[in-house]
Amino acid sequence: LPTATSSSTWRDIKVYQNYAFVVSEASSHGMQVF
């Protein structure tokens, strides 16, 4: 799953009800849901 905006050293992932939630310090990245 490519980053929502730009690349970043920092990315973090957790899971809830069969969905992954991904954040990053990349500018304006927000939270991806997969």
PDB file of all heavy atoms in Angstrom:
ATOM      1  N   LEU A   1       0.873  -1.173   0.000  1.00  0.00           N
ATOM      2  CA  LEU A   1       0.000   0.000   0.000  1.00  0.00           C
ATOM      3  C   LEU A   1       0.913   1.226   0.000  1.00  0.00           C
ATOM      4  O   LEU A   1       1.568   1.497   1.010  1.00  0.00           O
ATOM      5  CB  LEU A   1      -0.905  -0.006   1.233  1.00  0.00           C
ATOM      6  CG  LEU A   1      -1.758   1.249   1.454  1.00  0.00           C
ATOM      7  CD1 LEU A   1      -2.803   1.398   0.351  1.00  0.00           C
ATOM      8  CD2 LEU A   1      -2.427   1.210   2.834  1.00  0.00           C
ATOM      9  N   PRO A   2       1.001   1.976  -1.096  1.00  0.00           N
ATOM     10  CA  PRO A   2       1.915   3.124  -1.119  1.00  0.00           C
ATOM     11  C   PRO A   2       1.495   4.192  -0.119  1.00  0.00           C
ATOM     12  O   PRO A   2       0.331   4.293   0.278  1.00  0.00           O
ATOM     13  CB  PRO A   2       1.794   3.641  -2.563  1.00  0.00           C
ATOM     14  CG  PRO A   2       1.242   2.488  -3.342  1.00  0.00           C
ATOM     15  CD  PRO A   2       0.347   1.758  -2.395  1.00  0.00           C
ATOM     16  N   THR A   3       2.462   5.002   0.300  1.00  0.00           N
ATOM     17  CA  THR A   3       2.194   6.105   1.200  1.00  0.00           C
ATOM     18  C   THR A   3       1.124   7.017   0.620  1.00  0.00           C
ATOM     19  O   THR A   3       0.996   7.155  -0.610  1.00  0.00           O
ATOM     20  CB  THR A   3       3.486   6.899   1.475  1.00  0.00           C
ATOM     21  OG1 THR A   3       3.206   7.962   2.378  1.00  0.00           O
ATOM     22  CG2 THR A   3       4.089   7.444   0.197  1.00  0.00           C
ATOM     23  N   ALA A   4       0.351   7.662   1.495  1.00  0.00           N
ATOM     24  CA  ALA A   4      -0.740   8.527   1.035  1.00  0.00           C
ATOM     25  C   ALA A   4      -0.219   9.794   0.381  1.00  0.00           C
ATOM     26  O   ALA A   4      -0.900  10.372  -0.474  1.00  0.00           O
ATOM     27  CB  ALA A   4      -1.647   8.887   2.201  1.00  0.00           C
ATOM     28  N   THR A   5       0.981  10.230   0.778  1.00  0.00           N
ATOM     29  CA  THR A   5       1.545  11.448   0.186  1.00  0.00           C
ATOM     30  C   THR A   5       2.993  11.204  -0.196  1.00  0.00           C
ATOM     31  O   THR A   5       3.266  10.654  -1.257  1.00  0.00           O
ATOM     32  CB  THR A   5       1.408  12.649   1.158  1.00  0.00           C
ATOM     33  OG1 THR A   5       1.978  12.303   2.439  1.00  0.00           O
ATOM     34  CG2 THR A   5      -0.050  13.042   1.347  1.00  0.00           C
ATOM     35  N   SER A   6       3.919  11.554   0.655  1.00  0.00           N
ATOM     36  CA  SER A   6       5.339  11.407   0.345  1.00  0.00           C
ATOM     37  C   SER A   6       5.975  10.346   1.230  1.00  0.00           C
ATOM     38  O   SER A   6       5.363   9.843   2.176  1.00  0.00           O
ATOM     39  CB  SER A   6       6.058  12.746   0.540  1.00  0.00           C
ATOM     40  OG  SER A   6       5.884  13.201   1.877  1.00  0.00           O
ATOM     41  N   SER A   7       7.218  10.010   0.941  1.00  0.00           N
ATOM     42  CA  SER A   7       7.952   9.049   1.759  1.00  0.00           C
ATOM     43  C   SER A   7       8.323   9.671   3.100  1.00  0.00           C
ATOM     44  O   SER A   7       8.418  10.894   3.233  1.00  0.00           O
ATOM     45  CB  SER A   7       9.210   8.594   1.032  1.00  0.00           C
ATOM     46  OG  SER A   7       8.887   7.857  -0.129  1.00  0.00           O
ATOM     47  N   SER A   8       8.538   8.805   4.097  1.00  0.00           N
ATOM     48  CA  SER A   8       8.898   9.277   5.429  1.00  0.00           C
ATOM     49  C   SER A   8       9.604   8.163   6.184  1.00  0.00           C
ATOM     50  O   SER A   8       9.306   6.979   6.003  1.00  0.00           O
ATOM     51  CB  SER A   8       7.654   9.710   6.205  1.00  0.00           C
ATOM     52  OG  SER A   8       7.973   9.978   7.566  1.00  0.00           O
ATOM     53  N   THR A   9      10.532   8.547   7.039  1.00  0.00           N
ATOM     54  CA  THR A   9      11.190   7.579   7.916  1.00  0.00           C
ATOM     55  C   THR A   9      10.194   6.935   8.861  1.00  0.00           C
ATOM     56  O   THR A   9      10.357   5.777   9.254  1.00  0.00           O
ATOM     57  CB  THR A   9      12.286   8.293   8.728  1.00  0.00           C
ATOM     58  OG1 THR A   9      13.223   8.872   7.825  1.00  0.00           O
ATOM     59  CG2 THR A   9      12.994   7.330   9.663  1.00  0.00           C
ATOM     60  N   TRP A  10       9.145   7.667   9.251  1.00  0.00           N
ATOM     61  CA  TRP A  10       8.226   7.209  10.281  1.00  0.00           C
ATOM     62  C   TRP A  10       6.889   6.769   9.695  1.00  0.00           C
ATOM     63  O   TRP A  10       6.221   7.523   8.990  1.00  0.00           O
ATOM     64  CB  TRP A  10       8.005   8.323  11.307  1.00  0.00           C
ATOM     65  CG  TRP A  10       9.248   8.649  12.062  1.00  0.00           C
ATOM     66  CD1 TRP A  10       9.737   8.027  13.176  1.00  0.00           C
ATOM     67  CD2 TRP A  10      10.188   9.670  11.740  1.00  0.00           C
ATOM     68  NE1 TRP A  10      10.916   8.592  13.575  1.00  0.00           N
ATOM     69  CE2 TRP A  10      11.225   9.616  12.716  1.00  0.00           C
ATOM     70  CE3 TRP A  10      10.265  10.642  10.730  1.00  0.00           C
ATOM     71  CZ2 TRP A  10      12.306  10.481  12.704  1.00  0.00           C
ATOM     72  CZ3 TRP A  10      11.352  11.498  10.715  1.00  0.00           C
ATOM     73  CH2 TRP A  10      12.350  11.414  11.700  1.00  0.00           C
ATOM     74  N   ARG A  11       6.496   5.545  10.023  1.00  0.00           N
ATOM     75  CA  ARG A  11       5.196   5.001   9.638  1.00  0.00           C
ATOM     76  C   ARG A  11       4.767   4.067  10.767  1.00  0.00           C
ATOM     77  O   ARG A  11       5.587   3.354  11.337  1.00  0.00           O
ATOM     78  CB  ARG A  11       5.295   4.247   8.311  1.00  0.00           C
ATOM     79  CG  ARG A  11       3.939   3.901   7.674  1.00  0.00           C
ATOM     80  CD  ARG A  11       4.158   3.399   6.245  1.00  0.00           C
ATOM     81  NE  ARG A  11       4.995   4.332   5.479  1.00  0.00           N
ATOM     82  CZ  ARG A  11       4.535   5.427   4.895  1.00  0.00           C
ATOM     83  NH1 ARG A  11       3.252   5.728   4.951  1.00  0.00           N
ATOM     84  NH2 ARG A  11       5.371   6.220   4.237  1.00  0.00           N
ATOM     85  N   ASP A  12       3.496   4.047  11.094  1.00  0.00           N
ATOM     86  CA  ASP A  12       3.019   3.195  12.179  1.00  0.00           C
ATOM     87  C   ASP A  12       1.693   2.568  11.784  1.00  0.00           C
ATOM     88  O   ASP A  12       0.868   3.203  11.096  1.00  0.00           O
ATOM     89  CB  ASP A  12       2.851   4.010  13.468  1.00  0.00           C
ATOM     90  CG  ASP A  12       2.805   3.113  14.698  1.00  0.00           C
ATOM     91  OD1 ASP A  12       3.803   2.445  14.977  1.00  0.00           O
ATOM     92  OD2 ASP A  12       1.755   3.070  15.365  1.00  0.00           O
ATOM     93  N   ILE A  13       1.473   1.332  12.230  1.00  0.00           N
ATOM     94  CA  ILE A  13       0.334   0.529  11.787  1.00  0.00           C
ATOM     95  C   ILE A  13      -0.294  -0.161  12.984  1.00  0.00           C
ATOM     96  O   ILE A  13       0.416  -0.704  13.832  1.00  0.00           O
ATOM     97  CB  ILE A  13       0.786  -0.558  10.779  1.00  0.00           C
ATOM     98  CG1 ILE A  13       1.674   0.029   9.690  1.00  0.00           C
ATOM     99  CG2 ILE A  13      -0.414  -1.289  10.196  1.00  0.00           C
ATOM    100  CD1 ILE A  13       2.859  -0.830   9.355  1.00  0.00           C
ATOM    101  N   LYS A  14      -1.611  -0.156  13.058  1.00  0.00           N
ATOM    102  CA  LYS A  14      -2.348  -0.966  14.028  1.00  0.00           C
ATOM    103  C   LYS A  14      -3.563  -1.571  13.325  1.00  0.00           C
ATOM    104  O   LYS A  14      -3.922  -1.164  12.209  1.00  0.00           O
ATOM    105  CB  LYS A  14      -2.782  -0.132  15.235  1.00  0.00           C
ATOM    106  CG  LYS A  14      -1.637   0.421  16.067  1.00  0.00           C
ATOM    107  CD  LYS A  14      -0.808  -0.645  16.728  1.00  0.00           C
ATOM    108  CE  LYS A  14       0.251  -0.081  17.671  1.00  0.00           C
ATOM    109  NZ  LYS A  14       1.264   0.734  16.976  1.00  0.00           N
ATOM    110  N   VAL A  15      -4.242  -2.504  13.999  1.00  0.00           N
ATOM    111  CA  VAL A  15      -5.336  -3.258  13.383  1.00  0.00           C
ATOM    112  C   VAL A  15      -6.576  -3.208  14.257  1.00  0.00           C
ATOM    113  O   VAL A  15      -6.481  -3.263  15.489  1.00  0.00           O
ATOM    114  CB  VAL A  15      -4.913  -4.729  13.149  1.00  0.00           C
ATOM    115  CG1 VAL A  15      -6.095  -5.600  12.758  1.00  0.00           C
ATOM    116  CG2 VAL A  15      -3.831  -4.802  12.073  1.00  0.00           C
ATOM    117  N   TYR A  16      -7.733  -3.102  13.598  1.00  0.00           N
ATOM    118  CA  TYR A  16      -9.024  -3.208  14.274  1.00  0.00           C
ATOM    119  C   TYR A  16     -10.020  -3.839  13.312  1.00  0.00           C
ATOM    120  O   TYR A  16     -10.179  -3.381  12.174  1.00  0.00           O
ATOM    121  CB  TYR A  16      -9.522  -1.828  14.711  1.00  0.00           C
ATOM    122  CG  TYR A  16     -10.949  -1.821  15.249  1.00  0.00           C
ATOM    123  CD1 TYR A  16     -11.242  -2.368  16.496  1.00  0.00           C
ATOM    124  CD2 TYR A  16     -11.985  -1.275  14.505  1.00  0.00           C
ATOM    125  CE1 TYR A  16     -12.536  -2.365  16.984  1.00  0.00           C
ATOM    126  CE2 TYR A  16     -13.284  -1.263  14.989  1.00  0.00           C
ATOM    127  CZ  TYR A  16     -13.558  -1.812  16.226  1.00  0.00           C
ATOM    128  OH  TYR A  16     -14.847  -1.818  16.702  1.00  0.00           O
ATOM    129  N   GLN A  17     -10.693  -4.911  13.775  1.00  0.00           N
ATOM    130  CA  GLN A  17     -11.747  -5.577  13.002  1.00  0.00           C
ATOM    131  C   GLN A  17     -11.353  -5.818  11.546  1.00  0.00           C
ATOM    132  O   GLN A  17     -12.056  -5.419  10.612  1.00  0.00           O
ATOM    133  CB  GLN A  17     -13.038  -4.773  13.078  1.00  0.00           C
ATOM    134  CG  GLN A  17     -13.745  -4.897  14.406  1.00  0.00           C
ATOM    135  CD  GLN A  17     -15.170  -4.371  14.390  1.00  0.00           C
ATOM    136  OE1 GLN A  17     -15.623  -3.764  13.417  1.00  0.00           O
ATOM    137  NE2 GLN A  17     -15.892  -4.586  15.466  1.00  0.00           N
ATOM    138  N   ASN A  18     -10.225  -6.470  11.341  1.00  0.00           N
ATOM    139  CA  ASN A  18      -9.779  -6.871  10.005  1.00  0.00           C
ATOM    140  C   ASN A  18      -9.427  -5.697   9.104  1.00  0.00           C
ATOM    141  O   ASN A  18      -9.405  -5.844   7.871  1.00  0.00           O
ATOM    142  CB  ASN A  18     -10.821  -7.766   9.315  1.00  0.00           C
ATOM    143  CG  ASN A  18     -11.123  -9.016  10.121  1.00  0.00           C
ATOM    144  OD1 ASN A  18     -10.253  -9.538  10.819  1.00  0.00           O
ATOM    145  ND2 ASN A  18     -12.353  -9.487  10.055  1.00  0.00           N
ATOM    146  N   TYR A  19      -9.149  -4.546   9.691  1.00  0.00           N
ATOM    147  CA  TYR A  19      -8.683  -3.393   8.929  1.00  0.00           C
ATOM    148  C   TYR A  19      -7.354  -2.916   9.508  1.00  0.00           C
ATOM    149  O   TYR A  19      -7.166  -2.903  10.729  1.00  0.00           O
ATOM    150  CB  TYR A  19      -9.688  -2.245   8.980  1.00  0.00           C
ATOM    151  CG  TYR A  19     -10.930  -2.480   8.150  1.00  0.00           C
ATOM    152  CD1 TYR A  19     -12.001  -3.222   8.663  1.00  0.00           C
ATOM    153  CD2 TYR A  19     -11.038  -1.973   6.850  1.00  0.00           C
ATOM    154  CE1 TYR A  19     -13.142  -3.456   7.905  1.00  0.00           C
ATOM    155  CE2 TYR A  19     -12.178  -2.190   6.092  1.00  0.00           C
ATOM    156  CZ  TYR A  19     -13.220  -2.934   6.619  1.00  0.00           C
ATOM    157  OH  TYR A  19     -14.348  -3.157   5.857  1.00  0.00           O
ATOM    158  N   ALA A  20      -6.449  -2.519   8.626  1.00  0.00           N
ATOM    159  CA  ALA A  20      -5.210  -1.889   9.045  1.00  0.00           C
ATOM    160  C   ALA A  20      -5.371  -0.378   8.976  1.00  0.00           C
ATOM    161  O   ALA A  20      -5.973   0.155   8.032  1.00  0.00           O
ATOM    162  CB  ALA A  20      -4.060  -2.329   8.141  1.00  0.00           C
ATOM    163  N   PHE A  21      -4.825   0.306   9.982  1.00  0.00           N
ATOM    164  CA  PHE A  21      -4.864   1.763  10.050  1.00  0.00           C
ATOM    165  C   PHE A  21      -3.419   2.248  10.069  1.00  0.00           C
ATOM    166  O   PHE A  21      -2.643   1.865  10.953  1.00  0.00           O
ATOM    167  CB  PHE A  21      -5.624   2.219  11.295  1.00  0.00           C
ATOM    168  CG  PHE A  21      -7.078   1.810  11.285  1.00  0.00           C
ATOM    169  CD1 PHE A  21      -7.450   0.518  11.644  1.00  0.00           C
ATOM    170  CD2 PHE A  21      -8.058   2.704  10.894  1.00  0.00           C
ATOM    171  CE1 PHE A  21      -8.780   0.122  11.619  1.00  0.00           C
ATOM    172  CE2 PHE A  21      -9.392   2.329  10.867  1.00  0.00           C
ATOM    173  CZ  PHE A  21      -9.759   1.037  11.233  1.00  0.00           C
ATOM    174  N   VAL A  22      -3.065   3.085   9.111  1.00  0.00           N
ATOM    175  CA  VAL A  22      -1.671   3.456   8.880  1.00  0.00           C
ATOM    176  C   VAL A  22      -1.517   4.976   8.965  1.00  0.00           C
ATOM    177  O   VAL A  22      -2.257   5.715   8.296  1.00  0.00           O
ATOM    178  CB  VAL A  22      -1.183   2.973   7.499  1.00  0.00           C
ATOM    179  CG1 VAL A  22       0.301   3.283   7.320  1.00  0.00           C
ATOM    180  CG2 VAL A  22      -1.446   1.483   7.316  1.00  0.00           C
ATOM    181  N   VAL A  23      -0.554   5.424   9.759  1.00  0.00           N
ATOM    182  CA  VAL A  23      -0.221   6.849   9.832  1.00  0.00           C
ATOM    183  C   VAL A  23       1.259   7.024   9.508  1.00  0.00           C
ATOM    184  O   VAL A  23       2.046   6.073   9.542  1.00  0.00           O
ATOM    185  CB  VAL A  23      -0.542   7.457  11.211  1.00  0.00           C
ATOM    186  CG1 VAL A  23      -2.025   7.316  11.539  1.00  0.00           C
ATOM    187  CG2 VAL A  23       0.315   6.821  12.310  1.00  0.00           C
ATOM    188  N   SER A  24       1.624   8.261   9.218  1.00  0.00           N
ATOM    189  CA  SER A  24       3.005   8.581   8.911  1.00  0.00           C
ATOM    190  C   SER A  24       3.234  10.052   9.221  1.00  0.00           C
ATOM    191  O   SER A  24       2.295  10.848   9.237  1.00  0.00           O
ATOM    192  CB  SER A  24       3.308   8.310   7.434  1.00  0.00           C
ATOM    193  OG  SER A  24       4.588   8.796   7.078  1.00  0.00           O
ATOM    194  N   GLU A  25       4.512  10.396   9.456  1.00  0.00           N
ATOM    195  CA  GLU A  25       4.845  11.798   9.628  1.00  0.00           C
ATOM    196  C   GLU A  25       4.898  12.552   8.310  1.00  0.00           C
ATOM    197  O   GLU A  25       5.104  13.770   8.301  1.00  0.00           O
ATOM    198  CB  GLU A  25       6.166  11.946  10.379  1.00  0.00           C
ATOM    199  CG  GLU A  25       6.053  11.689  11.863  1.00  0.00           C
ATOM    200  CD  GLU A  25       7.220  12.259  12.651  1.00  0.00           C
ATOM    201  OE1 GLU A  25       8.060  12.960  12.049  1.00  0.00           O
ATOM    202  OE2 GLU A  25       7.297  12.017  13.868  1.00  0.00           O
ATOM    203  N   ALA A  26       4.727  11.860   7.194  1.00  0.00           N
ATOM    204  CA  ALA A  26       4.703  12.532   5.902  1.00  0.00           C
ATOM    205  C   ALA A  26       3.635  13.625   5.906  1.00  0.00           C
ATOM    206  O   ALA A  26       2.530  13.441   6.448  1.00  0.00           O
ATOM    207  CB  ALA A  26       4.422  11.532   4.787  1.00  0.00           C
ATOM    208  N   SER A  27       3.935  14.755   5.307  1.00  0.00           N
ATOM    209  CA  SER A  27       3.027  15.903   5.325  1.00  0.00           C
ATOM    210  C   SER A  27       1.659  15.549   4.757  1.00  0.00           C
ATOM    211  O   SER A  27       1.556  14.923   3.686  1.00  0.00           O
ATOM    212  CB  SER A  27       3.644  17.049   4.516  1.00  0.00           C
ATOM    213  OG  SER A  27       2.782  18.151   4.458  1.00  0.00           O
ATOM    214  N   SER A  28       0.595  15.914   5.505  1.00  0.00           N
ATOM    215  CA  SER A  28      -0.805  15.736   5.076  1.00  0.00           C
ATOM    216  C   SER A  28      -1.186  14.280   4.848  1.00  0.00           C
ATOM    217  O   SER A  28      -2.149  13.994   4.139  1.00  0.00           O
ATOM    218  CB  SER A  28      -1.089  16.555   3.797  1.00  0.00           C
ATOM    219  OG  SER A  28      -0.778  17.916   3.984  1.00  0.00           O
ATOM    220  N   HIS A  29      -0.448  13.358   5.458  1.00  0.00           N
ATOM    221  CA  HIS A  29      -0.701  11.930   5.216  1.00  0.00           C
ATOM    222  C   HIS A  29      -2.041  11.468   5.767  1.00  0.00           C
ATOM    223  O   HIS A  29      -2.732  10.660   5.156  1.00  0.00           O
ATOM    224  CB  HIS A  29       0.433  11.100   5.840  1.00  0.00           C
ATOM    225  CG  HIS A  29       0.332   9.629   5.558  1.00  0.00           C
ATOM    226  ND1 HIS A  29      -0.495   8.779   6.268  1.00  0.00           N
ATOM    227  CD2 HIS A  29       0.958   8.862   4.631  1.00  0.00           C
ATOM    228  CE1 HIS A  29      -0.369   7.550   5.811  1.00  0.00           C
ATOM    229  NE2 HIS A  29       0.514   7.572   4.822  1.00  0.00           N
ATOM    230  N   GLY A  30      -2.438  11.971   6.953  1.00  0.00           N
ATOM    231  CA  GLY A  30      -3.662  11.487   7.575  1.00  0.00           C
ATOM    232  C   GLY A  30      -3.553  10.023   7.956  1.00  0.00           C
ATOM    233  O   GLY A  30      -2.466   9.503   8.253  1.00  0.00           O
ATOM    234  N   MET A  31      -4.673   9.316   7.932  1.00  0.00           N
ATOM    235  CA  MET A  31      -4.725   7.899   8.319  1.00  0.00           C
ATOM    236  C   MET A  31      -5.333   7.088   7.180  1.00  0.00           C
ATOM    237  O   MET A  31      -6.470   7.314   6.767  1.00  0.00           O
ATOM    238  CB  MET A  31      -5.559   7.739   9.596  1.00  0.00           C
ATOM    239  CG  MET A  31      -5.708   6.296  10.076  1.00  0.00           C
ATOM    240  SD  MET A  31      -6.640   6.170  11.632  1.00  0.00           S
ATOM    241  CE  MET A  31      -8.318   6.568  11.062  1.00  0.00           C
ATOM    242  N   GLN A  32      -4.555   6.134   6.675  1.00  0.00           N
ATOM    243  CA  GLN A  32      -5.053   5.219   5.655  1.00  0.00           C
ATOM    244  C   GLN A  32      -5.780   4.052   6.319  1.00  0.00           C
ATOM    245  O   GLN A  32      -5.375   3.577   7.386  1.00  0.00           O
ATOM    246  CB  GLN A  32      -3.908   4.674   4.811  1.00  0.00           C
ATOM    247  CG  GLN A  32      -3.174   5.716   3.988  1.00  0.00           C
ATOM    248  CD  GLN A  32      -1.945   5.114   3.324  1.00  0.00           C
ATOM    249  OE1 GLN A  32      -1.019   4.660   3.997  1.00  0.00           O
ATOM    250  NE2 GLN A  32      -1.915   5.122   1.997  1.00  0.00           N
ATOM    251  N   VAL A  33      -6.844   3.577   5.678  1.00  0.00           N
ATOM    252  CA  VAL A  33      -7.594   2.415   6.147  1.00  0.00           C
ATOM    253  C   VAL A  33      -7.574   1.372   5.039  1.00  0.00           C
ATOM    254  O   VAL A  33      -7.901   1.677   3.880  1.00  0.00           O
ATOM    255  CB  VAL A  33      -9.049   2.787   6.496  1.00  0.00           C
ATOM    256  CG1 VAL A  33      -9.780   1.569   7.070  1.00  0.00           C
ATOM    257  CG2 VAL A  33      -9.096   3.959   7.476  1.00  0.00           C
ATOM    258  N   PHE A  34      -7.181   0.144   5.403  1.00  0.00           N
ATOM    259  CA  PHE A  34      -7.048  -0.917   4.402  1.00  0.00           C
ATOM    260  C   PHE A  34      -7.754  -2.178   4.890  1.00  0.00           C
ATOM    261  O   PHE A  34      -7.507  -2.651   6.003  1.00  0.00           O
ATOM    262  CB  PHE A  34      -5.569  -1.220   4.136  1.00  0.00           C
ATOM    263  CG  PHE A  34      -5.339  -2.310   3.128  1.00  0.00           C
ATOM    264  CD1 PHE A  34      -5.436  -2.052   1.772  1.00  0.00           C
ATOM    265  CD2 PHE A  34      -5.055  -3.605   3.546  1.00  0.00           C
ATOM    266  CE1 PHE A  34      -5.237  -3.064   0.843  1.00  0.00           C
ATOM    267  CE2 PHE A  34      -4.853  -4.623   2.621  1.00  0.00           C
ATOM    268  CZ  PHE A  34      -4.944  -4.348   1.262  1.00  0.00           C
TER     269      PHE A  34
END
